[in-house]
C-alpha cells in the first residue's frame, strides 16, 4: 500500500523541506496525485526534444502526431502539450476542498487559513518571476509563468472555496463572458496594422479576419495591457511584444480553470457512489468540450491557449475532466493503484519537480553527456541521442523524488 498523507493543493505549505504529517481522516484521492504526476512528467518530457526528432521523419504520420502533441500549437487549436498548464491549474482547484476540510479538522479558523492563502499566493508569484529571471542580468518581470498565473488568482479561488457551488458556477460563467466581451470590445487591428512591428510575420497564416481578428496575436487586449503594465517595471529594454503571444491577463481565465477544478473537487468529495461521480465527470467533460468547439465553429470565440480564450478554457477544461475521469475510473473505481506508484512519486512532490526542471535540467544533461555520452552516441545515433539524454535526466529526477518520497520529504508552499 502506498502510504498516504493529507491532501493539499499541488503547490502546498511552506517553502521549505518538511516531513509529511500523519495521515488525516479525510479521504485521499490517489487519482489526483497520479494525474498530477502525469502532468509533471509531460512537462519534463520537453527534455527529450521529440519535435526535433520528428523532423527527421517528415513522412511519418506517427512521428507527426508525436510532434504535434509535444509542443504548443502556433495559435489556434490545442495539443496534449497545451493541456499541461490548464491541468496543473485545474488540480490546484480540485485539491482545495480537501485542503480546507483537513485544516478545519485541525481546528484552524478562517483568518489563519486566509493569511496562509495570501502568503502562498505571494510566494508563487515571486517564485515564478525568480525562475524566469535565471538567465537574465536583472529581475525579469513577467507574469505568464504557470506558478505566477496561479498565484495571481489563488486568493480569489480560496475565497470561493467557502461559498456554495451555485455561486462558484455563476462566478465561472461571469469570468468567461466578461473576458470574452473585453476582447470583443477592444478595437480589432485594422488593415494597416503593422504586424511585423509586434513580432508577427507578414501574411502569417494564423491571423484571423472579421470578428475573430479581435484575438489576433500581439494586437489584442492582452497585448495592449502588457505594453502598459510590463513597462511599469524596470527592464533591460522596453516591452513591445511577447514573442509567443503569452500574456499577463491570462490569469483571469486561469481562475475559471481553477474554479472548474474546485467544482470537480467538491463533486468528488461529496457523498455518492463512485459510479455516480465517474458518470458526472464524463458528462461534464464532454459538455465542456462540445461547448468550446461550438464557440470556435460558430465564430464566437477561437480556441487559443496563448491568450487563454474563454472557448479554450471550456475546451481544455473538458479534456482535463475526461482525463481525470480515466484516472478516477482506474484508481478509485476499479481500485488498480499499484501501476500508478511511479506517478504518485512525482505527483506528491510537484513543486519540487517544477523547480528542479528550471534549475537542474541543464546540469544533469551536461553530466549525462560528460559521463555517458560515449555510450549514448553509438547506441542512439545523432537522431535519437536527445531522446535518451532527456530520458536519463527524467530518470535522475524520478530517483531523487523517490528518495524524497521514501523519507516523506516534500517541498511545500
Protein backbone atom coordinates (compact mmCIF):
# COMPACT_ATOMS: atom_id res chain seq x y z
CA UNK A 1 0.00 0.00 0.00
CA UNK A 2 1.16 3.49 -0.75
CA UNK A 3 1.40 5.44 2.47
CA UNK A 4 -0.85 8.47 2.11
CA UNK A 5 -0.95 11.84 3.82
CA UNK A 6 -3.12 14.91 3.97
CA UNK A 7 -4.24 16.07 0.55
CA UNK A 8 -3.07 19.61 -0.13
CA UNK A 9 -3.07 21.65 -3.28
CA UNK A 10 -0.43 20.75 -5.90
CA UNK A 11 1.72 23.58 -4.60
CA UNK A 12 1.39 23.40 -0.88
CA UNK A 13 2.52 24.51 2.57
CA UNK A 14 5.74 26.31 3.48
CA UNK A 15 8.60 26.78 1.03
CA UNK A 16 10.97 24.57 3.00
CA UNK A 17 11.66 20.86 3.16
CA UNK A 18 9.40 19.23 5.71
CA UNK A 19 8.48 15.73 6.79
CA UNK A 20 4.93 14.83 5.86
CA UNK A 21 2.41 14.99 8.74
CA UNK A 22 0.44 11.97 9.80
CA UNK A 23 -2.46 10.93 7.63
CA UNK A 24 -5.71 12.70 8.35
CA UNK A 25 -9.16 11.23 8.39
CA UNK A 26 -10.05 12.95 5.15
CA UNK A 27 -10.10 10.58 2.21
CA UNK A 28 -7.18 10.87 -0.15
CA UNK A 29 -7.81 10.59 -3.86
CA UNK A 30 -4.76 8.90 -5.35
CA UNK A 31 -6.16 9.61 -8.80
CA UNK A 32 -5.46 13.33 -8.28
CA UNK A 33 -1.85 12.62 -7.32
CA UNK A 34 -1.37 10.23 -10.24
CA UNK A 35 -2.87 12.74 -12.68
CA UNK A 36 -0.65 15.50 -11.28
CA UNK A 37 2.39 13.24 -11.65
CA UNK A 38 1.47 12.58 -15.27
CA UNK A 39 1.20 16.32 -15.92
CA UNK A 40 4.65 16.94 -14.45
CA UNK A 41 6.19 14.09 -16.47
CA UNK A 42 4.69 15.55 -19.64
CA UNK A 43 6.38 18.82 -18.73
CA UNK A 44 9.71 17.07 -18.15
CA UNK A 45 9.36 15.27 -21.48
CA UNK A 46 10.36 18.52 -23.19
CA UNK A 47 13.94 17.45 -22.41
CA UNK A 48 13.56 14.60 -24.94
CA UNK A 49 13.08 17.13 -27.77
CA UNK A 50 10.67 14.86 -29.63
CA UNK A 51 9.55 17.53 -32.14
CA UNK A 52 13.17 17.82 -33.31
CA UNK A 53 13.39 14.06 -33.72
CA UNK A 54 10.12 14.06 -35.66
CA UNK A 55 11.61 16.42 -38.24
CA UNK A 56 13.95 13.60 -39.25
CA UNK A 57 10.86 11.61 -40.32
CA UNK A 58 8.79 14.14 -42.31
CA UNK A 59 6.62 11.48 -43.97
CA UNK A 60 5.76 9.52 -40.82
CA UNK A 61 2.20 10.03 -39.57
CA UNK A 62 3.12 8.61 -36.16
CA UNK A 63 6.02 11.00 -35.69
CA UNK A 64 3.86 13.82 -36.96
CA UNK A 65 1.30 13.02 -34.25
CA UNK A 66 4.04 12.85 -31.62
CA UNK A 67 5.47 16.19 -32.74
CA UNK A 68 2.06 17.87 -32.64
CA UNK A 69 1.35 16.69 -29.10
CA UNK A 70 4.74 17.50 -27.59
CA UNK A 71 4.85 21.21 -28.41
CA UNK A 72 2.48 24.17 -28.32
CA UNK A 73 0.35 24.87 -31.38
CA UNK A 74 1.23 28.11 -33.17
CA UNK A 75 -2.06 29.82 -32.28
CA UNK A 76 -5.49 28.23 -32.75
CA UNK A 77 -6.07 24.70 -31.52
CA UNK A 78 -4.87 22.55 -28.66
CA UNK A 79 -2.31 19.76 -28.37
CA UNK A 80 -1.59 17.47 -25.44
CA UNK A 81 1.29 19.80 -24.55
CA UNK A 82 -1.19 22.69 -24.40
CA UNK A 83 -3.10 20.84 -21.66
CA UNK A 84 -0.21 20.79 -19.18
CA UNK A 85 -0.79 24.25 -17.71
CA UNK A 86 -4.60 24.05 -17.51
CA UNK A 87 -4.36 20.58 -15.96
CA UNK A 88 -1.93 21.82 -13.31
CA UNK A 89 -4.14 24.85 -12.61
CA UNK A 90 -7.27 22.67 -12.52
CA UNK A 91 -5.67 20.35 -9.96
CA UNK A 92 -4.93 23.29 -7.67
CA UNK A 93 -8.68 23.92 -7.54
CA UNK A 94 -9.54 20.22 -7.24
CA UNK A 95 -7.35 19.79 -4.16
CA UNK A 96 -8.65 22.89 -2.38
CA UNK A 97 -11.87 21.39 -0.89
CA UNK A 98 -9.85 18.57 0.67
CA UNK A 99 -7.25 21.01 1.99
CA UNK A 100 -9.87 23.27 3.58
CA UNK A 101 -11.63 20.27 5.16
CA UNK A 102 -8.34 18.97 6.55
CA UNK A 103 -7.43 22.34 8.06
CA UNK A 104 -10.86 22.67 9.65
CA UNK A 105 -10.38 19.24 11.23
CA UNK A 106 -7.16 20.55 12.77
CA UNK A 107 -9.16 23.37 14.35
CA UNK A 108 -7.98 26.18 12.07
CA UNK A 109 -10.35 29.11 11.63
CA UNK A 110 -10.93 31.23 8.54
CA UNK A 111 -8.48 34.08 9.13
CA UNK A 112 -5.36 31.96 9.72
CA UNK A 113 -6.27 30.00 6.60
CA UNK A 114 -6.79 33.24 4.68
CA UNK A 115 -3.40 34.55 5.79
CA UNK A 116 -1.81 31.30 4.64
CA UNK A 117 -3.53 31.63 1.25
CA UNK A 118 -2.18 35.18 0.84
CA UNK A 119 1.37 34.06 1.71
CA UNK A 120 1.09 31.13 -0.68
CA UNK A 121 -0.08 33.39 -3.49
CA UNK A 122 2.77 35.85 -2.98
CA UNK A 123 5.37 33.07 -2.86
CA UNK A 124 4.01 31.58 -6.09
CA UNK A 125 4.14 34.95 -7.86
CA UNK A 126 7.68 35.73 -6.78
CA UNK A 127 8.92 32.17 -7.36
CA UNK A 128 7.60 32.29 -10.93
CA UNK A 129 9.39 35.60 -11.55
CA UNK A 130 12.58 34.27 -9.92
CA UNK A 131 12.67 31.16 -12.13
CA UNK A 132 12.01 33.19 -15.28
CA UNK A 133 14.88 35.51 -14.32
CA UNK A 134 17.56 32.81 -14.07
CA UNK A 135 19.12 33.68 -17.45
CA UNK A 136 18.63 37.45 -17.16
CA UNK A 137 21.08 40.08 -15.96
CA UNK A 138 18.37 41.62 -13.77
CA UNK A 139 14.96 40.68 -12.42
CA UNK A 140 12.80 39.71 -15.39
CA UNK A 141 9.32 40.88 -14.53
CA UNK A 142 6.96 38.64 -16.43
CA UNK A 143 3.69 37.15 -15.27
CA UNK A 144 2.84 34.40 -17.76
CA UNK A 145 4.65 31.66 -15.83
CA UNK A 146 2.38 28.87 -14.57
CA UNK A 147 3.18 29.50 -10.90
CA UNK A 148 2.72 33.25 -11.23
CA UNK A 149 -0.60 32.86 -13.03
CA UNK A 150 -1.88 30.56 -10.29
CA UNK A 151 -0.59 32.92 -7.60
CA UNK A 152 -2.37 35.93 -9.10
CA UNK A 153 -5.73 34.21 -8.75
CA UNK A 154 -5.19 31.94 -5.76
CA UNK A 155 -6.62 34.18 -3.03
CA UNK A 156 -9.81 34.68 -5.05
CA UNK A 157 -10.03 30.91 -5.57
CA UNK A 158 -9.53 30.34 -1.84
CA UNK A 159 -12.44 32.67 -1.02
CA UNK A 160 -14.64 30.80 -3.50
CA UNK A 161 -13.87 27.62 -1.58
CA UNK A 162 -16.17 28.92 1.19
CA UNK A 163 -19.24 29.68 -0.94
CA UNK A 164 -21.95 27.48 -2.39
CA UNK A 165 -21.30 25.61 -5.67
CA UNK A 166 -24.05 27.70 -7.30
CA UNK A 167 -22.05 30.86 -6.55
CA UNK A 168 -18.92 29.20 -7.93
CA UNK A 169 -20.73 28.35 -11.16
CA UNK A 170 -22.10 31.88 -11.53
CA UNK A 171 -18.61 33.30 -10.98
CA UNK A 172 -17.18 30.93 -13.58
CA UNK A 173 -19.76 31.96 -16.17
CA UNK A 174 -19.26 35.67 -15.45
CA UNK A 175 -15.48 35.36 -15.85
CA UNK A 176 -15.83 33.62 -19.21
CA UNK A 177 -18.43 36.08 -20.56
CA UNK A 178 -16.68 39.22 -19.31
CA UNK A 179 -13.26 38.10 -20.56
CA UNK A 180 -14.73 37.32 -23.99
CA UNK A 181 -16.60 40.62 -24.04
CA UNK A 182 -13.50 42.62 -23.12
CA UNK A 183 -11.62 41.19 -26.12
CA UNK A 184 -14.62 41.70 -28.40
CA UNK A 185 -14.96 45.37 -27.40
CA UNK A 186 -11.27 46.18 -27.73
CA UNK A 187 -10.62 47.58 -31.25
CA UNK A 188 -9.54 44.95 -33.73
CA UNK A 189 -6.35 45.61 -35.73
CA UNK A 190 -7.17 47.44 -38.93
CA UNK A 191 -5.93 46.60 -42.44
CA UNK A 192 -2.94 48.94 -41.99
CA UNK A 193 -1.80 47.41 -38.69
CA UNK A 194 1.93 46.64 -38.87
CA UNK A 195 2.16 43.09 -37.54
CA UNK A 196 5.91 42.89 -38.17
CA UNK A 197 6.38 45.59 -35.53
CA UNK A 198 4.99 43.21 -32.90
CA UNK A 199 6.87 40.09 -33.97
CA UNK A 200 4.23 38.59 -36.28
CA UNK A 201 5.41 37.77 -39.82
CA UNK A 202 3.63 39.50 -42.66
CA UNK A 203 0.78 37.34 -44.00
CA UNK A 204 1.08 34.99 -41.02
CA UNK A 205 -1.43 32.22 -41.83
CA UNK A 206 -2.81 32.12 -38.27
CA UNK A 207 -4.18 35.66 -38.26
CA UNK A 208 -7.97 35.90 -38.36
CA UNK A 209 -10.14 38.21 -40.41
CA UNK A 210 -13.51 39.66 -39.46
CA UNK A 211 -14.81 39.40 -35.91
CA UNK A 212 -12.23 36.83 -34.77
CA UNK A 213 -9.42 39.29 -35.55
CA UNK A 214 -10.04 40.67 -32.06
CA UNK A 215 -7.97 37.68 -30.92
CA UNK A 216 -5.03 38.05 -33.34
CA UNK A 217 -1.54 37.66 -31.98
CA UNK A 218 0.07 40.71 -30.35
CA UNK A 219 -2.70 43.05 -31.46
CA UNK A 220 -5.37 42.20 -28.89
CA UNK A 221 -6.44 43.40 -25.46
CA UNK A 222 -3.93 41.27 -23.56
CA UNK A 223 -1.05 42.56 -25.67
CA UNK A 224 -2.15 46.18 -25.14
CA UNK A 225 -2.40 45.62 -21.39
CA UNK A 226 1.12 44.17 -21.22
CA UNK A 227 2.59 47.03 -23.26
CA UNK A 228 1.32 49.31 -20.48
CA UNK A 229 1.70 47.06 -17.44
CA UNK A 230 5.08 45.40 -18.01
CA UNK A 231 6.74 48.73 -18.80
CA UNK A 232 5.89 49.89 -15.28
CA UNK A 233 8.71 47.62 -14.07
CA UNK A 234 12.46 48.09 -14.61
CA UNK A 235 13.52 46.26 -17.76
CA UNK A 236 16.62 45.74 -19.85
CA UNK A 237 14.65 47.16 -22.76
CA UNK A 238 11.07 48.41 -23.15
CA UNK A 239 8.44 45.72 -23.60
CA UNK A 240 6.95 45.80 -27.11
CA UNK A 241 5.58 42.28 -27.53
CA UNK A 242 5.91 38.72 -26.28
CA UNK A 243 7.36 36.52 -28.99
CA UNK A 244 4.95 33.69 -28.25
CA UNK A 245 1.94 35.92 -27.66
CA UNK A 246 1.69 34.89 -23.98
CA UNK A 247 0.11 37.44 -21.67
CA UNK A 248 -0.42 38.52 -18.07
CA UNK A 249 -4.21 38.75 -18.34
CA UNK A 250 -4.43 35.01 -18.89
CA UNK A 251 -4.53 34.71 -15.10
CA UNK A 252 -8.21 35.76 -15.25
CA UNK A 253 -9.46 32.78 -17.28
CA UNK A 254 -6.94 30.64 -15.37
CA UNK A 255 -9.10 31.41 -12.35
CA UNK A 256 -12.02 29.95 -14.32
CA UNK A 257 -9.98 26.80 -14.96
CA UNK A 258 -9.20 26.55 -11.24
CA UNK A 259 -12.91 27.01 -10.47
CA UNK A 260 -13.65 24.04 -12.72
CA UNK A 261 -11.18 22.10 -10.59
CA UNK A 262 -12.80 23.41 -7.42
CA UNK A 263 -16.20 22.19 -8.61
CA UNK A 264 -14.73 18.81 -9.55
CA UNK A 265 -13.09 18.53 -6.14
CA UNK A 266 -16.37 19.35 -4.39
CA UNK A 267 -18.11 16.75 -6.55
CA UNK A 268 -15.55 14.05 -5.72
CA UNK A 269 -15.55 14.94 -2.02
CA UNK A 270 -19.36 14.84 -1.73
CA UNK A 271 -21.39 11.79 -0.83
CA UNK A 272 -22.36 9.44 -3.62
CA UNK A 273 -21.23 6.28 -5.30
CA UNK A 274 -18.05 6.11 -7.33
CA UNK A 275 -20.12 5.22 -10.39
CA UNK A 276 -22.16 8.41 -9.98
CA UNK A 277 -19.05 10.53 -9.55
CA UNK A 278 -17.38 8.97 -12.57
CA UNK A 279 -20.51 9.50 -14.68
CA UNK A 280 -20.65 13.14 -13.59
CA UNK A 281 -17.03 13.76 -14.61
CA UNK A 282 -17.60 12.22 -18.04
CA UNK A 283 -20.83 14.15 -18.68
CA UNK A 284 -19.36 17.47 -17.54
CA UNK A 285 -16.15 16.94 -19.51
CA UNK A 286 -17.99 16.03 -22.69
CA UNK A 287 -20.32 19.03 -22.35
CA UNK A 288 -17.45 21.49 -21.86
CA UNK A 289 -15.53 20.00 -24.76
CA UNK A 290 -18.51 20.35 -27.08
CA UNK A 291 -19.31 23.87 -25.88
CA UNK A 292 -15.75 25.03 -26.55
CA UNK A 293 -15.88 23.58 -30.05
CA UNK A 294 -19.26 25.21 -30.75
CA UNK A 295 -17.82 28.61 -29.79
CA UNK A 296 -14.99 28.02 -32.26
CA UNK A 297 -17.17 26.67 -35.08
CA UNK A 298 -19.78 29.42 -34.69
CA UNK A 299 -17.13 32.13 -34.95
CA UNK A 300 -17.90 33.40 -31.45
CA UNK A 301 -14.51 32.84 -29.85
CA UNK A 302 -11.42 30.94 -31.07
CA UNK A 303 -9.66 28.23 -29.09
CA UNK A 304 -6.30 29.90 -28.34
CA UNK A 305 -4.20 28.92 -25.33
CA UNK A 306 -1.65 31.73 -25.61
CA UNK A 307 -4.27 34.29 -24.57
CA UNK A 308 -6.38 31.65 -22.75
CA UNK A 309 -9.61 32.50 -24.53
CA UNK A 310 -12.95 31.62 -22.95
CA UNK A 311 -13.52 28.85 -25.51
CA UNK A 312 -10.07 27.46 -24.74
CA UNK A 313 -10.99 27.44 -21.04
CA UNK A 314 -14.06 25.34 -21.85
CA UNK A 315 -12.31 23.07 -24.35
CA UNK A 316 -9.21 22.40 -22.24
CA UNK A 317 -11.35 22.03 -19.13
CA UNK A 318 -13.39 19.37 -20.90
CA UNK A 319 -10.28 17.39 -21.80
CA UNK A 320 -8.86 17.70 -18.29
CA UNK A 321 -12.12 16.44 -16.77
CA UNK A 322 -12.18 13.46 -19.13
CA UNK A 323 -8.57 12.59 -18.35
CA UNK A 324 -9.29 12.89 -14.64
CA UNK A 325 -12.28 10.59 -15.17
CA UNK A 326 -9.96 7.99 -16.71
CA UNK A 327 -7.61 8.15 -13.71
CA UNK A 328 -10.56 8.06 -11.30
CA UNK A 329 -12.02 5.02 -13.08
CA UNK A 330 -8.80 3.04 -12.93
CA UNK A 331 -7.58 4.01 -9.46
CA UNK A 332 -10.67 4.82 -7.36
CA UNK A 333 -13.43 2.85 -9.09
CA UNK A 334 -11.50 -0.27 -10.16
CA UNK A 335 -9.01 0.00 -7.31
CA UNK A 336 -5.96 -0.51 -9.53
CA UNK A 337 -3.35 1.56 -7.69
CA UNK A 338 -0.09 -0.32 -7.95
CA UNK A 339 0.60 0.70 -11.56
CA UNK A 340 0.32 4.38 -10.61
CA UNK A 341 3.07 4.35 -7.99
CA UNK A 342 5.71 5.96 -10.29
CA UNK A 343 3.22 8.75 -10.99
CA UNK A 344 2.41 9.21 -7.29
CA UNK A 345 6.10 9.72 -6.52
CA UNK A 346 6.12 12.69 -8.90
CA UNK A 347 2.63 14.00 -8.20
CA UNK A 348 3.12 14.25 -4.44
CA UNK A 349 6.18 16.48 -4.90
CA UNK A 350 5.11 18.54 -7.90
CA UNK A 351 6.55 21.87 -6.74
CA UNK A 352 9.95 20.19 -6.29
CA UNK A 353 9.73 18.84 -9.85
CA UNK A 354 8.84 22.25 -11.22
CA UNK A 355 11.76 23.98 -9.52
CA UNK A 356 14.15 21.17 -10.48
CA UNK A 357 13.11 21.41 -14.11
CA UNK A 358 14.16 25.08 -14.18
CA UNK A 359 17.31 24.86 -12.09
CA UNK A 360 18.82 21.39 -12.57
CA UNK A 361 17.90 20.14 -16.06
CA UNK A 362 20.96 21.54 -17.84
CA UNK A 363 23.28 20.44 -15.03
CA UNK A 364 22.16 16.82 -15.26
CA UNK A 365 22.00 16.90 -19.08
CA UNK A 366 25.63 18.04 -19.20
CA UNK A 367 26.58 15.40 -16.64
CA UNK A 368 24.92 12.68 -18.71
CA UNK A 369 26.81 13.82 -21.82
CA UNK A 370 30.07 14.04 -19.92
CA UNK A 371 29.91 10.62 -18.31
CA UNK A 372 27.65 8.57 -20.59
CA UNK A 373 27.87 10.34 -23.94
CA UNK A 374 30.39 7.80 -25.18
CA UNK A 375 27.74 5.07 -24.74
CA UNK A 376 24.64 7.00 -25.78
CA UNK A 377 26.03 8.35 -29.07
CA UNK A 378 26.69 4.98 -30.78
CA UNK A 379 23.57 3.47 -29.21
CA UNK A 380 21.12 6.11 -30.38
CA UNK A 381 22.89 7.94 -33.18
CA UNK A 382 22.58 11.70 -33.66
CA UNK A 383 18.81 11.50 -34.28
CA UNK A 384 17.76 9.77 -31.07
CA UNK A 385 20.51 10.94 -28.74
CA UNK A 386 18.33 13.81 -27.40
CA UNK A 387 15.64 11.26 -26.53
CA UNK A 388 18.00 9.09 -24.48
CA UNK A 389 19.62 12.12 -22.87
CA UNK A 390 16.24 13.57 -21.92
CA UNK A 391 15.03 10.21 -20.61
CA UNK A 392 18.17 9.93 -18.48
CA UNK A 393 17.51 13.35 -16.95
CA UNK A 394 13.90 12.41 -16.21
CA UNK A 395 15.08 9.15 -14.60
CA UNK A 396 17.54 11.05 -12.40
CA UNK A 397 14.78 13.41 -11.32
CA UNK A 398 12.48 10.49 -10.55
CA UNK A 399 15.12 8.74 -8.44
CA UNK A 400 15.62 11.95 -6.43
CA UNK A 401 11.86 12.21 -5.93
CA UNK A 402 11.70 8.53 -4.91
CA UNK A 403 14.38 9.18 -2.29
CA UNK A 404 12.34 12.14 -1.01
CA UNK A 405 9.11 10.13 -1.09
CA UNK A 406 10.56 7.22 0.89
CA UNK A 407 11.73 9.66 3.57
CA UNK A 408 8.46 11.60 3.49
CA UNK A 409 10.25 14.79 2.45
CA UNK A 410 8.11 17.22 0.48
CA UNK A 411 8.79 20.71 -0.81
CA UNK A 412 5.76 22.73 0.21
CA UNK A 413 4.44 26.22 -0.40
